[in-house]
């Protein structure tokens, strides 16, 4: 393989993870049992910039990423993904000593 082809293959190999893992901003939808708070906008990039680069920190360790409310994930539990999201997010945020939002209105914007 010549140098040009090696360079092209290397560039493609470096770009593939960026396209696979780039999720950007995600709006978390409320379930029917959720309080009438505002919509939560979750920015993956902010968390990546804070050093949280392993998806398994927040998501399941399985092969496929699912939404918390999807069937087979937290769908069968009461309040669908509500308890899972709040325990995971708030649990982590509370360990940050006031540097991460922990009050309802800090995440739920109206």
PDB file of N, CA and C in Angstrom:
ATOM      1  N   UNK A   1       0.849  -1.172   0.000  1.00  0.00           N
ATOM      2  CA  UNK A   1       0.000   0.000   0.000  1.00  0.00           C
ATOM      3  C   UNK A   1       0.897   1.238   0.000  1.00  0.00           C
ATOM      4  N   UNK A   2       0.565   2.202  -0.842  1.00  0.00           N
ATOM      5  CA  UNK A   2       1.411   3.386  -0.883  1.00  0.00           C
ATOM      6  C   UNK A   2       1.057   4.345   0.255  1.00  0.00           C
ATOM      7  N   UNK A   3       1.874   5.377   0.432  1.00  0.00           N
ATOM      8  CA  UNK A   3       1.709   6.311   1.551  1.00  0.00           C
ATOM      9  C   UNK A   3       0.363   7.028   1.502  1.00  0.00           C
ATOM     10  N   UNK A   4      -0.095   7.355   0.315  1.00  0.00           N
ATOM     11  CA  UNK A   4      -1.372   8.071   0.170  1.00  0.00           C
ATOM     12  C   UNK A   4      -2.531   7.210   0.681  1.00  0.00           C
ATOM     13  N   UNK A   5      -2.547   5.954   0.307  1.00  0.00           N
ATOM     14  CA  UNK A   5      -3.609   5.050   0.762  1.00  0.00           C
ATOM     15  C   UNK A   5      -3.560   4.843   2.274  1.00  0.00           C
ATOM     16  N   UNK A   6      -2.358   4.739   2.820  1.00  0.00           N
ATOM     17  CA  UNK A   6      -2.211   4.591   4.268  1.00  0.00           C
ATOM     18  C   UNK A   6      -2.762   5.829   4.972  1.00  0.00           C
ATOM     19  N   UNK A   7      -2.473   7.000   4.447  1.00  0.00           N
ATOM     20  CA  UNK A   7      -2.968   8.249   5.021  1.00  0.00           C
ATOM     21  C   UNK A   7      -4.493   8.303   4.968  1.00  0.00           C
ATOM     22  N   UNK A   8      -5.074   7.910   3.861  1.00  0.00           N
ATOM     23  CA  UNK A   8      -6.539   7.912   3.716  1.00  0.00           C
ATOM     24  C   UNK A   8      -7.172   6.941   4.709  1.00  0.00           C
ATOM     25  N   UNK A   9      -6.623   5.753   4.828  1.00  0.00           N
ATOM     26  CA  UNK A   9      -7.154   4.758   5.768  1.00  0.00           C
ATOM     27  C   UNK A   9      -7.055   5.270   7.205  1.00  0.00           C
ATOM     28  N   UNK A  10      -5.943   5.894   7.552  1.00  0.00           N
ATOM     29  CA  UNK A  10      -5.777   6.442   8.908  1.00  0.00           C
ATOM     30  C   UNK A  10      -6.791   7.550   9.187  1.00  0.00           C
ATOM     31  N   UNK A  11      -7.004   8.426   8.227  1.00  0.00           N
ATOM     32  CA  UNK A  11      -7.981   9.511   8.398  1.00  0.00           C
ATOM     33  C   UNK A  11      -9.388   8.956   8.598  1.00  0.00           C
ATOM     34  N   UNK A  12      -9.751   7.984   7.802  1.00  0.00           N
ATOM     35  CA  UNK A  12     -11.079   7.370   7.933  1.00  0.00           C
ATOM     36  C   UNK A  12     -11.208   6.692   9.295  1.00  0.00           C
ATOM     37  N   UNK A  13     -10.163   5.986   9.711  1.00  0.00           N
ATOM     38  CA  UNK A  13     -10.194   5.291  11.003  1.00  0.00           C
ATOM     39  C   UNK A  13     -10.360   6.270  12.161  1.00  0.00           C
ATOM     40  N   UNK A  14      -9.791   7.455  12.044  1.00  0.00           N
ATOM     41  CA  UNK A  14      -9.922   8.458  13.099  1.00  0.00           C
ATOM     42  C   UNK A  14     -11.288   9.132  13.092  1.00  0.00           C
ATOM     43  N   UNK A  15     -11.915   9.229  11.941  1.00  0.00           N
ATOM     44  CA  UNK A  15     -13.210   9.900  11.844  1.00  0.00           C
ATOM     45  C   UNK A  15     -14.386   9.006  12.223  1.00  0.00           C
ATOM     46  N   UNK A  16     -14.248   7.713  12.056  1.00  0.00           N
ATOM     47  CA  UNK A  16     -15.361   6.796  12.337  1.00  0.00           C
ATOM     48  C   UNK A  16     -15.882   6.946  13.770  1.00  0.00           C
ATOM     49  N   UNK A  17     -15.037   6.924  14.810  1.00  0.00           N
ATOM     50  CA  UNK A  17     -15.573   7.079  16.173  1.00  0.00           C
ATOM     51  C   UNK A  17     -16.286   8.420  16.381  1.00  0.00           C
ATOM     52  N   UNK A  18     -15.811   9.460  15.735  1.00  0.00           N
ATOM     53  CA  UNK A  18     -16.459  10.767  15.881  1.00  0.00           C
ATOM     54  C   UNK A  18     -17.890  10.722  15.378  1.00  0.00           C
ATOM     55  N   UNK A  19     -18.123  10.054  14.277  1.00  0.00           N
ATOM     56  CA  UNK A  19     -19.479   9.949  13.738  1.00  0.00           C
ATOM     57  C   UNK A  19     -20.343   8.989  14.548  1.00  0.00           C
ATOM     58  N   UNK A  20     -19.742   7.932  15.050  1.00  0.00           N
ATOM     59  CA  UNK A  20     -20.502   6.946  15.817  1.00  0.00           C
ATOM     60  C   UNK A  20     -20.937   7.510  17.166  1.00  0.00           C
ATOM     61  N   UNK A  21     -20.030   8.192  17.850  1.00  0.00           N
ATOM     62  CA  UNK A  21     -20.305   8.620  19.215  1.00  0.00           C
ATOM     63  C   UNK A  21     -20.790  10.055  19.342  1.00  0.00           C
ATOM     64  N   UNK A  22     -20.787  10.812  18.276  1.00  0.00           N
ATOM     65  CA  UNK A  22     -21.253  12.196  18.346  1.00  0.00           C
ATOM     66  C   UNK A  22     -22.766  12.220  18.487  1.00  0.00           C
ATOM     67  N   UNK A  23     -23.241  12.694  19.629  1.00  0.00           N
ATOM     68  CA  UNK A  23     -24.672  12.758  19.858  1.00  0.00           C
ATOM     69  C   UNK A  23     -25.139  14.175  20.106  1.00  0.00           C
ATOM     70  N   UNK A  24     -24.243  15.053  20.493  1.00  0.00           N
ATOM     71  CA  UNK A  24     -24.612  16.440  20.687  1.00  0.00           C
ATOM     72  C   UNK A  24     -25.637  16.639  21.783  1.00  0.00           C
ATOM     73  N   UNK A  25     -26.584  17.523  21.526  1.00  0.00           N
ATOM     74  CA  UNK A  25     -27.596  17.893  22.507  1.00  0.00           C
ATOM     75  C   UNK A  25     -28.809  16.991  22.367  1.00  0.00           C
ATOM     76  N   UNK A  26     -29.282  16.466  23.480  1.00  0.00           N
ATOM     77  CA  UNK A  26     -30.441  15.582  23.497  1.00  0.00           C
ATOM     78  C   UNK A  26     -31.493  16.187  24.405  1.00  0.00           C
ATOM     79  N   UNK A  27     -32.732  16.279  23.913  1.00  0.00           N
ATOM     80  CA  UNK A  27     -33.834  16.721  24.763  1.00  0.00           C
ATOM     81  C   UNK A  27     -34.460  15.492  25.392  1.00  0.00           C
ATOM     82  N   UNK A  28     -34.550  15.492  26.714  1.00  0.00           N
ATOM     83  CA  UNK A  28     -35.125  14.370  27.444  1.00  0.00           C
ATOM     84  C   UNK A  28     -36.624  14.588  27.531  1.00  0.00           C
ATOM     85  N   UNK A  29     -37.385  13.637  26.988  1.00  0.00           N
ATOM     86  CA  UNK A  29     -38.838  13.767  26.969  1.00  0.00           C
ATOM     87  C   UNK A  29     -39.431  13.346  28.298  1.00  0.00           C
ATOM     88  N   UNK A  30     -40.492  14.038  28.680  1.00  0.00           N
ATOM     89  CA  UNK A  30     -41.191  13.711  29.917  1.00  0.00           C
ATOM     90  C   UNK A  30     -42.114  12.528  29.677  1.00  0.00           C
ATOM     91  N   UNK A  31     -42.289  11.702  30.695  1.00  0.00           N
ATOM     92  CA  UNK A  31     -43.288  10.643  30.632  1.00  0.00           C
ATOM     93  C   UNK A  31     -44.581  11.194  31.211  1.00  0.00           C
ATOM     94  N   UNK A  32     -45.678  10.489  31.015  1.00  0.00           N
ATOM     95  CA  UNK A  32     -46.970  10.980  31.485  1.00  0.00           C
ATOM     96  C   UNK A  32     -47.016  11.110  32.998  1.00  0.00           C
ATOM     97  N   UNK A  33     -46.191  10.347  33.718  1.00  0.00           N
ATOM     98  CA  UNK A  33     -46.199  10.408  35.175  1.00  0.00           C
ATOM     99  C   UNK A  33     -45.209  11.426  35.730  1.00  0.00           C
ATOM    100  N   UNK A  34     -44.442  12.054  34.862  1.00  0.00           N
ATOM    101  CA  UNK A  34     -43.439  13.013  35.310  1.00  0.00           C
ATOM    102  C   UNK A  34     -44.093  14.318  35.749  1.00  0.00           C
ATOM    103  N   UNK A  35     -43.455  15.038  36.660  1.00  0.00           N
ATOM    104  CA  UNK A  35     -44.005  16.327  37.064  1.00  0.00           C
ATOM    105  C   UNK A  35     -43.977  17.303  35.897  1.00  0.00           C
ATOM    106  N   UNK A  36     -44.741  18.338  35.991  1.00  0.00           N
ATOM    107  CA  UNK A  36     -44.845  19.293  34.886  1.00  0.00           C
ATOM    108  C   UNK A  36     -43.722  20.322  34.959  1.00  0.00           C
ATOM    109  N   UNK A  37     -42.521  19.824  34.985  1.00  0.00           N
ATOM    110  CA  UNK A  37     -41.343  20.678  34.950  1.00  0.00           C
ATOM    111  C   UNK A  37     -41.009  20.957  33.494  1.00  0.00           C
ATOM    112  N   UNK A  38     -40.075  21.820  33.262  1.00  0.00           N
ATOM    113  CA  UNK A  38     -39.653  22.117  31.901  1.00  0.00           C
ATOM    114  C   UNK A  38     -38.822  20.988  31.315  1.00  0.00           C
ATOM    115  N   UNK A  39     -38.527  21.105  30.037  1.00  0.00           N
ATOM    116  CA  UNK A  39     -37.747  20.104  29.315  1.00  0.00           C
ATOM    117  C   UNK A  39     -36.280  20.168  29.730  1.00  0.00           C
ATOM    118  N   UNK A  40     -35.675  19.014  29.883  1.00  0.00           N
ATOM    119  CA  UNK A  40     -34.249  18.927  30.190  1.00  0.00           C
ATOM    120  C   UNK A  40     -33.493  18.811  28.876  1.00  0.00           C
ATOM    121  N   UNK A  41     -32.511  19.663  28.691  1.00  0.00           N
ATOM    122  CA  UNK A  41     -31.646  19.578  27.521  1.00  0.00           C
ATOM    123  C   UNK A  41     -30.297  19.058  27.995  1.00  0.00           C
ATOM    124  N   UNK A  42     -29.941  17.877  27.520  1.00  0.00           N
ATOM    125  CA  UNK A  42     -28.689  17.244  27.926  1.00  0.00           C
ATOM    126  C   UNK A  42     -27.664  17.416  26.820  1.00  0.00           C
ATOM    127  N   UNK A  43     -26.521  17.960  27.153  1.00  0.00           N
ATOM    128  CA  UNK A  43     -25.463  18.193  26.175  1.00  0.00           C
ATOM    129  C   UNK A  43     -24.316  17.207  26.421  1.00  0.00           C
ATOM    130  N   UNK A  44     -24.195  16.216  25.539  1.00  0.00           N
ATOM    131  CA  UNK A  44     -23.124  15.232  25.673  1.00  0.00           C
ATOM    132  C   UNK A  44     -21.745  15.897  25.645  1.00  0.00           C
ATOM    133  N   UNK A  45     -21.590  16.941  24.826  1.00  0.00           N
ATOM    134  CA  UNK A  45     -20.277  17.567  24.669  1.00  0.00           C
ATOM    135  C   UNK A  45     -19.789  18.206  25.968  1.00  0.00           C
ATOM    136  N   UNK A  46     -20.701  18.827  26.726  1.00  0.00           N
ATOM    137  CA  UNK A  46     -20.306  19.423  28.006  1.00  0.00           C
ATOM    138  C   UNK A  46     -19.744  18.341  28.928  1.00  0.00           C
ATOM    139  N   UNK A  47     -20.400  17.191  28.967  1.00  0.00           N
ATOM    140  CA  UNK A  47     -19.932  16.109  29.823  1.00  0.00           C
ATOM    141  C   UNK A  47     -18.610  15.539  29.317  1.00  0.00           C
ATOM    142  N   UNK A  48     -18.442  15.440  28.006  1.00  0.00           N
ATOM    143  CA  UNK A  48     -17.166  14.973  27.449  1.00  0.00           C
ATOM    144  C   UNK A  48     -16.052  15.937  27.820  1.00  0.00           C
ATOM    145  N   UNK A  49     -16.338  17.255  27.751  1.00  0.00           N
ATOM    146  CA  UNK A  49     -15.339  18.264  28.102  1.00  0.00           C
ATOM    147  C   UNK A  49     -14.956  18.195  29.579  1.00  0.00           C
ATOM    148  N   UNK A  50     -15.848  17.677  30.412  1.00  0.00           N
ATOM    149  CA  UNK A  50     -15.576  17.529  31.850  1.00  0.00           C
ATOM    150  C   UNK A  50     -14.811  16.240  32.142  1.00  0.00           C
ATOM    151  N   UNK A  51     -14.520  15.466  31.111  1.00  0.00           N
ATOM    152  CA  UNK A  51     -13.726  14.255  31.284  1.00  0.00           C
ATOM    153  C   UNK A  51     -14.518  12.966  31.322  1.00  0.00           C
ATOM    154  N   UNK A  52     -15.834  13.052  31.116  1.00  0.00           N
ATOM    155  CA  UNK A  52     -16.649  11.833  31.091  1.00  0.00           C
ATOM    156  C   UNK A  52     -16.688  11.348  29.645  1.00  0.00           C
ATOM    157  N   UNK A  53     -15.761  10.481  29.298  1.00  0.00           N
ATOM    158  CA  UNK A  53     -15.635  10.050  27.908  1.00  0.00           C
ATOM    159  C   UNK A  53     -16.110   8.619  27.682  1.00  0.00           C
ATOM    160  N   UNK A  54     -16.319   7.871  28.749  1.00  0.00           N
ATOM    161  CA  UNK A  54     -16.792   6.495  28.608  1.00  0.00           C
ATOM    162  C   UNK A  54     -18.311   6.478  28.685  1.00  0.00           C
ATOM    163  N   UNK A  55     -18.965   6.058  27.627  1.00  0.00           N
ATOM    164  CA  UNK A  55     -20.436   6.026  27.569  1.00  0.00           C
ATOM    165  C   UNK A  55     -21.033   5.195  28.701  1.00  0.00           C
ATOM    166  N   UNK A  56     -20.302   4.159  29.138  1.00  0.00           N
ATOM    167  CA  UNK A  56     -20.801   3.270  30.184  1.00  0.00           C
ATOM    168  C   UNK A  56     -20.923   3.972  31.534  1.00  0.00           C
ATOM    169  N   UNK A  57     -20.344   5.156  31.672  1.00  0.00           N
ATOM    170  CA  UNK A  57     -20.491   5.917  32.906  1.00  0.00           C
ATOM    171  C   UNK A  57     -21.958   6.213  33.167  1.00  0.00           C
ATOM    172  N   UNK A  58     -22.699   6.514  32.109  1.00  0.00           N
ATOM    173  CA  UNK A  58     -24.118   6.854  32.251  1.00  0.00           C
ATOM    174  C   UNK A  58     -25.038   5.801  31.644  1.00  0.00           C
ATOM    175  N   UNK A  59     -24.597   5.180  30.574  1.00  0.00           N
ATOM    176  CA  UNK A  59     -25.436   4.225  29.855  1.00  0.00           C
ATOM    177  C   UNK A  59     -25.106   2.805  30.273  1.00  0.00           C
ATOM    178  N   UNK A  60     -25.946   1.879  29.850  1.00  0.00           N
ATOM    179  CA  UNK A  60     -25.747   0.471  30.190  1.00  0.00           C
ATOM    180  C   UNK A  60     -24.459  -0.065  29.604  1.00  0.00           C
ATOM    181  N   UNK A  61     -24.036  -1.177  30.123  1.00  0.00           N
ATOM    182  CA  UNK A  61     -22.800  -1.800  29.648  1.00  0.00           C
ATOM    183  C   UNK A  61     -23.041  -2.752  28.489  1.00  0.00           C
ATOM    184  N   UNK A  62     -24.295  -2.914  28.057  1.00  0.00           N
ATOM    185  CA  UNK A  62     -24.615  -3.807  26.949  1.00  0.00           C
ATOM    186  C   UNK A  62     -24.112  -3.274  25.623  1.00  0.00           C
ATOM    187  N   UNK A  63     -24.337  -4.042  24.579  1.00  0.00           N
ATOM    188  CA  UNK A  63     -23.842  -3.682  23.254  1.00  0.00           C
ATOM    189  C   UNK A  63     -24.646  -2.585  22.583  1.00  0.00           C
ATOM    190  N   UNK A  64     -25.926  -2.452  22.926  1.00  0.00           N
ATOM    191  CA  UNK A  64     -26.749  -1.455  22.258  1.00  0.00           C
ATOM    192  C   UNK A  64     -27.207  -0.400  23.246  1.00  0.00           C
ATOM    193  N   UNK A  65     -27.106   0.849  22.841  1.00  0.00           N
ATOM    194  CA  UNK A  65     -27.573   1.954  23.675  1.00  0.00           C
ATOM    195  C   UNK A  65     -29.065   2.115  23.467  1.00  0.00           C
ATOM    196  N   UNK A  66     -29.799   2.166  24.561  1.00  0.00           N
ATOM    197  CA  UNK A  66     -31.245   2.350  24.500  1.00  0.00           C
ATOM    198  C   UNK A  66     -31.620   3.579  25.310  1.00  0.00           C
ATOM    199  N   UNK A  67     -32.804   4.090  25.036  1.00  0.00           N
ATOM    200  CA  UNK A  67     -33.348   5.135  25.883  1.00  0.00           C
ATOM    201  C   UNK A  67     -33.879   4.456  27.135  1.00  0.00           C
ATOM    202  N   UNK A  68     -33.864   5.155  28.247  1.00  0.00           N
ATOM    203  CA  UNK A  68     -34.300   4.549  29.513  1.00  0.00           C
ATOM    204  C   UNK A  68     -35.735   4.057  29.459  1.00  0.00           C
ATOM    205  N   UNK A  69     -36.575   4.676  28.648  1.00  0.00           N
ATOM    206  CA  UNK A  69     -37.971   4.277  28.571  1.00  0.00           C
ATOM    207  C   UNK A  69     -38.260   3.204  27.548  1.00  0.00           C
ATOM    208  N   UNK A  70     -37.244   2.726  26.834  1.00  0.00           N
ATOM    209  CA  UNK A  70     -37.455   1.696  25.818  1.00  0.00           C
ATOM    210  C   UNK A  70     -37.803   0.355  26.457  1.00  0.00           C
ATOM    211  N   UNK A  71     -38.567  -0.435  25.734  1.00  0.00           N
ATOM    212  CA  UNK A  71     -38.928  -1.769  26.201  1.00  0.00           C
ATOM    213  C   UNK A  71     -37.664  -2.593  26.415  1.00  0.00           C
ATOM    214  N   UNK A  72     -37.612  -3.284  27.532  1.00  0.00           N
ATOM    215  CA  UNK A  72     -36.445  -4.095  27.841  1.00  0.00           C
ATOM    216  C   UNK A  72     -35.400  -3.369  28.653  1.00  0.00           C
ATOM    217  N   UNK A  73     -35.569  -2.093  28.851  1.00  0.00           N
ATOM    218  CA  UNK A  73     -34.605  -1.326  29.647  1.00  0.00           C
ATOM    219  C   UNK A  73     -35.277  -1.018  30.983  1.00  0.00           C
ATOM    220  N   UNK A  74     -35.750   0.194  31.160  1.00  0.00           N
ATOM    221  CA  UNK A  74     -36.444   0.565  32.394  1.00  0.00           C
ATOM    222  C   UNK A  74     -37.943   0.657  32.168  1.00  0.00           C
ATOM    223  N   UNK A  75     -38.411   0.157  31.033  1.00  0.00           N
ATOM    224  CA  UNK A  75     -39.821   0.254  30.666  1.00  0.00           C
ATOM    225  C   UNK A  75     -40.718  -0.438  31.687  1.00  0.00           C
ATOM    226  N   UNK A  76     -40.274  -1.568  32.204  1.00  0.00           N
ATOM    227  CA  UNK A  76     -41.106  -2.360  33.098  1.00  0.00           C
ATOM    228  C   UNK A  76     -41.185  -1.777  34.506  1.00  0.00           C
ATOM    229  N   UNK A  77     -40.285  -0.879  34.858  1.00  0.00           N
ATOM    230  CA  UNK A  77     -40.296  -0.306  36.196  1.00  0.00           C
ATOM    231  C   UNK A  77     -41.294   0.838  36.280  1.00  0.00           C
ATOM    232  N   UNK A  78     -41.696   1.148  37.487  1.00  0.00           N
ATOM    233  CA  UNK A  78     -42.628   2.251  37.685  1.00  0.00           C
ATOM    234  C   UNK A  78     -41.960   3.553  37.250  1.00  0.00           C
ATOM    235  N   UNK A  79     -42.715   4.424  36.642  1.00  0.00           N
ATOM    236  CA  UNK A  79     -42.245   5.722  36.145  1.00  0.00           C
ATOM    237  C   UNK A  79     -41.240   5.589  35.008  1.00  0.00           C
ATOM    238  N   UNK A  80     -41.208   4.446  34.372  1.00  0.00           N
ATOM    239  CA  UNK A  80     -40.359   4.181  33.204  1.00  0.00           C
ATOM    240  C   UNK A  80     -38.931   4.641  33.465  1.00  0.00           C
ATOM    241  N   UNK A  81     -38.435   5.627  32.763  1.00  0.00           N
ATOM    242  CA  UNK A  81     -37.045   6.039  32.933  1.00  0.00           C
ATOM    243  C   UNK A  81     -36.822   7.091  33.997  1.00  0.00           C
ATOM    244  N   UNK A  82     -37.893   7.600  34.587  1.00  0.00           N
ATOM    245  CA  UNK A  82     -37.790   8.710  35.541  1.00  0.00           C
ATOM    246  C   UNK A  82     -36.813   8.407  36.676  1.00  0.00           C
ATOM    247  N   UNK A  83     -37.033   7.303  37.376  1.00  0.00           N
ATOM    248  CA  UNK A  83     -36.168   6.977  38.512  1.00  0.00           C
ATOM    249  C   UNK A  83     -34.739   6.691  38.068  1.00  0.00           C
ATOM    250  N   UNK A  84     -34.585   6.020  36.947  1.00  0.00           N
ATOM    251  CA  UNK A  84     -33.243   5.690  36.455  1.00  0.00           C
ATOM    252  C   UNK A  84     -32.463   6.956  36.118  1.00  0.00           C
ATOM    253  N   UNK A  85     -33.104   7.870  35.417  1.00  0.00           N
ATOM    254  CA  UNK A  85     -32.427   9.111  35.021  1.00  0.00           C
ATOM    255  C   UNK A  85     -32.074   9.938  36.248  1.00  0.00           C
ATOM    256  N   UNK A  86     -33.044  10.127  37.138  1.00  0.00           N
ATOM    257  CA  UNK A  86     -32.795  10.968  38.301  1.00  0.00           C
ATOM    258  C   UNK A  86     -31.743  10.374  39.233  1.00  0.00           C
ATOM    259  N   UNK A  87     -31.764   9.072  39.448  1.00  0.00           N
ATOM    260  CA  UNK A  87     -30.762   8.491  40.345  1.00  0.00           C
ATOM    261  C   UNK A  87     -29.372   8.551  39.717  1.00  0.00           C
ATOM    262  N   UNK A  88     -29.282   8.324  38.412  1.00  0.00           N
ATOM    263  CA  UNK A  88     -27.977   8.343  37.741  1.00  0.00           C
ATOM    264  C   UNK A  88     -27.415   9.767  37.683  1.00  0.00           C
ATOM    265  N   UNK A  89     -28.227  10.711  37.202  1.00  0.00           N
ATOM    266  CA  UNK A  89     -27.758  12.098  37.049  1.00  0.00           C
ATOM    267  C   UNK A  89     -27.502  12.757  38.400  1.00  0.00           C
ATOM    268  N   UNK A  90     -28.516  12.740  39.260  1.00  0.00           N
ATOM    269  CA  UNK A  90     -28.373  13.395  40.560  1.00  0.00           C
ATOM    270  C   UNK A  90     -27.337  12.703  41.426  1.00  0.00           C
ATOM    271  N   UNK A  91     -27.274  11.382  41.340  1.00  0.00           N
ATOM    272  CA  UNK A  91     -26.274  10.653  42.114  1.00  0.00           C
ATOM    273  C   UNK A  91     -24.863  11.121  41.787  1.00  0.00           C
ATOM    274  N   UNK A  92     -24.588  11.296  40.523  1.00  0.00           N
ATOM    275  CA  UNK A  92     -23.268  11.767  40.094  1.00  0.00           C
ATOM    276  C   UNK A  92     -23.082  13.243  40.441  1.00  0.00           C
ATOM    277  N   UNK A  93     -24.086  14.059  40.141  1.00  0.00           N
ATOM    278  CA  UNK A  93     -23.978  15.498  40.382  1.00  0.00           C
ATOM    279  C   UNK A  93     -23.752  15.813  41.862  1.00  0.00           C
ATOM    280  N   UNK A  94     -24.375  15.057  42.749  1.00  0.00           N
ATOM    281  CA  UNK A  94     -24.222  15.317  44.193  1.00  0.00           C
ATOM    282  C   UNK A  94     -22.811  15.033  44.682  1.00  0.00           C
ATOM    283  N   UNK A  95     -22.056  14.232  43.961  1.00  0.00           N
ATOM    284  CA  UNK A  95     -20.671  13.952  44.358  1.00  0.00           C
ATOM    285  C   UNK A  95     -19.719  15.065  43.931  1.00  0.00           C
ATOM    286  N   UNK A  96     -20.206  16.023  43.163  1.00  0.00           N
ATOM    287  CA  UNK A  96     -19.344  17.072  42.619  1.00  0.00           C
ATOM    288  C   UNK A  96     -19.210  18.280  43.541  1.00  0.00           C
ATOM    289  N   UNK A  97     -19.822  18.239  44.721  1.00  0.00           N
ATOM    290  CA  UNK A  97     -19.654  19.306  45.704  1.00  0.00           C
ATOM    291  C   UNK A  97     -20.167  20.661  45.253  1.00  0.00           C
ATOM    292  N   UNK A  98     -21.342  20.699  44.657  1.00  0.00           N
ATOM    293  CA  UNK A  98     -21.941  21.969  44.256  1.00  0.00           C
ATOM    294  C   UNK A  98     -21.511  22.480  42.899  1.00  0.00           C
ATOM    295  N   UNK A  99     -20.651  21.760  42.204  1.00  0.00           N
ATOM    296  CA  UNK A  99     -20.187  22.207  40.889  1.00  0.00           C
ATOM    297  C   UNK A  99     -21.101  21.758  39.759  1.00  0.00           C
ATOM    298  N   UNK A 100     -22.015  20.849  40.038  1.00  0.00           N
ATOM    299  CA  UNK A 100     -22.958  20.357  39.026  1.00  0.00           C
ATOM    300  C   UNK A 100     -24.378  20.637  39.521  1.00  0.00           C
ATOM    301  N   UNK A 101     -25.316  20.869  38.592  1.00  0.00           N
ATOM    302  CA  UNK A 101     -26.686  21.193  39.006  1.00  0.00           C
ATOM    303  C   UNK A 101     -27.361  20.044  39.753  1.00  0.00           C
ATOM    304  N   UNK A 102     -28.033  20.392  40.862  1.00  0.00           N
ATOM    305  CA  UNK A 102     -28.767  19.392  41.634  1.00  0.00           C
ATOM    306  C   UNK A 102     -30.194  19.832  41.941  1.00  0.00           C
ATOM    307  N   UNK A 103     -30.533  21.072  41.634  1.00  0.00           N
ATOM    308  CA  UNK A 103     -31.890  21.562  41.871  1.00  0.00           C
ATOM    309  C   UNK A 103     -32.737  21.364  40.622  1.00  0.00           C
ATOM    310  N   UNK A 104     -34.033  21.128  40.809  1.00  0.00           N
ATOM    311  CA  UNK A 104     -34.948  20.852  39.690  1.00  0.00           C
ATOM    312  C   UNK A 104     -34.821  21.888  38.575  1.00  0.00           C
ATOM    313  N   UNK A 105     -34.892  23.165  38.947  1.00  0.00           N
ATOM    314  CA  UNK A 105     -34.921  24.231  37.937  1.00  0.00           C
ATOM    315  C   UNK A 105     -33.578  24.451  37.253  1.00  0.00           C
ATOM    316  N   UNK A 106     -32.522  23.855  37.765  1.00  0.00           N
ATOM    317  CA  UNK A 106     -31.226  23.988  37.106  1.00  0.00           C
ATOM    318  C   UNK A 106     -31.145  23.116  35.853  1.00  0.00           C
ATOM    319  N   UNK A 107     -31.912  22.040  35.818  1.00  0.00           N
ATOM    320  CA  UNK A 107     -31.939  21.168  34.638  1.00  0.00           C
ATOM    321  C   UNK A 107     -33.242  21.309  33.862  1.00  0.00           C
ATOM    322  N   UNK A 108     -34.347  21.436  34.580  1.00  0.00           N
ATOM    323  CA  UNK A 108     -35.668  21.562  33.950  1.00  0.00           C
ATOM    324  C   UNK A 108     -35.932  23.026  33.640  1.00  0.00           C
ATOM    325  N   UNK A 109     -35.734  23.403  32.395  1.00  0.00           N
ATOM    326  CA  UNK A 109     -35.950  24.793  31.968  1.00  0.00           C
ATOM    327  C   UNK A 109     -37.345  24.936  31.398  1.00  0.00           C
ATOM    328  N   UNK A 110     -38.037  25.972  31.808  1.00  0.00           N
ATOM    329  CA  UNK A 110     -39.388  26.235  31.278  1.00  0.00           C
ATOM    330  C   UNK A 110     -39.302  27.164  30.101  1.00  0.00           C
TER     331      UNK A 110
END
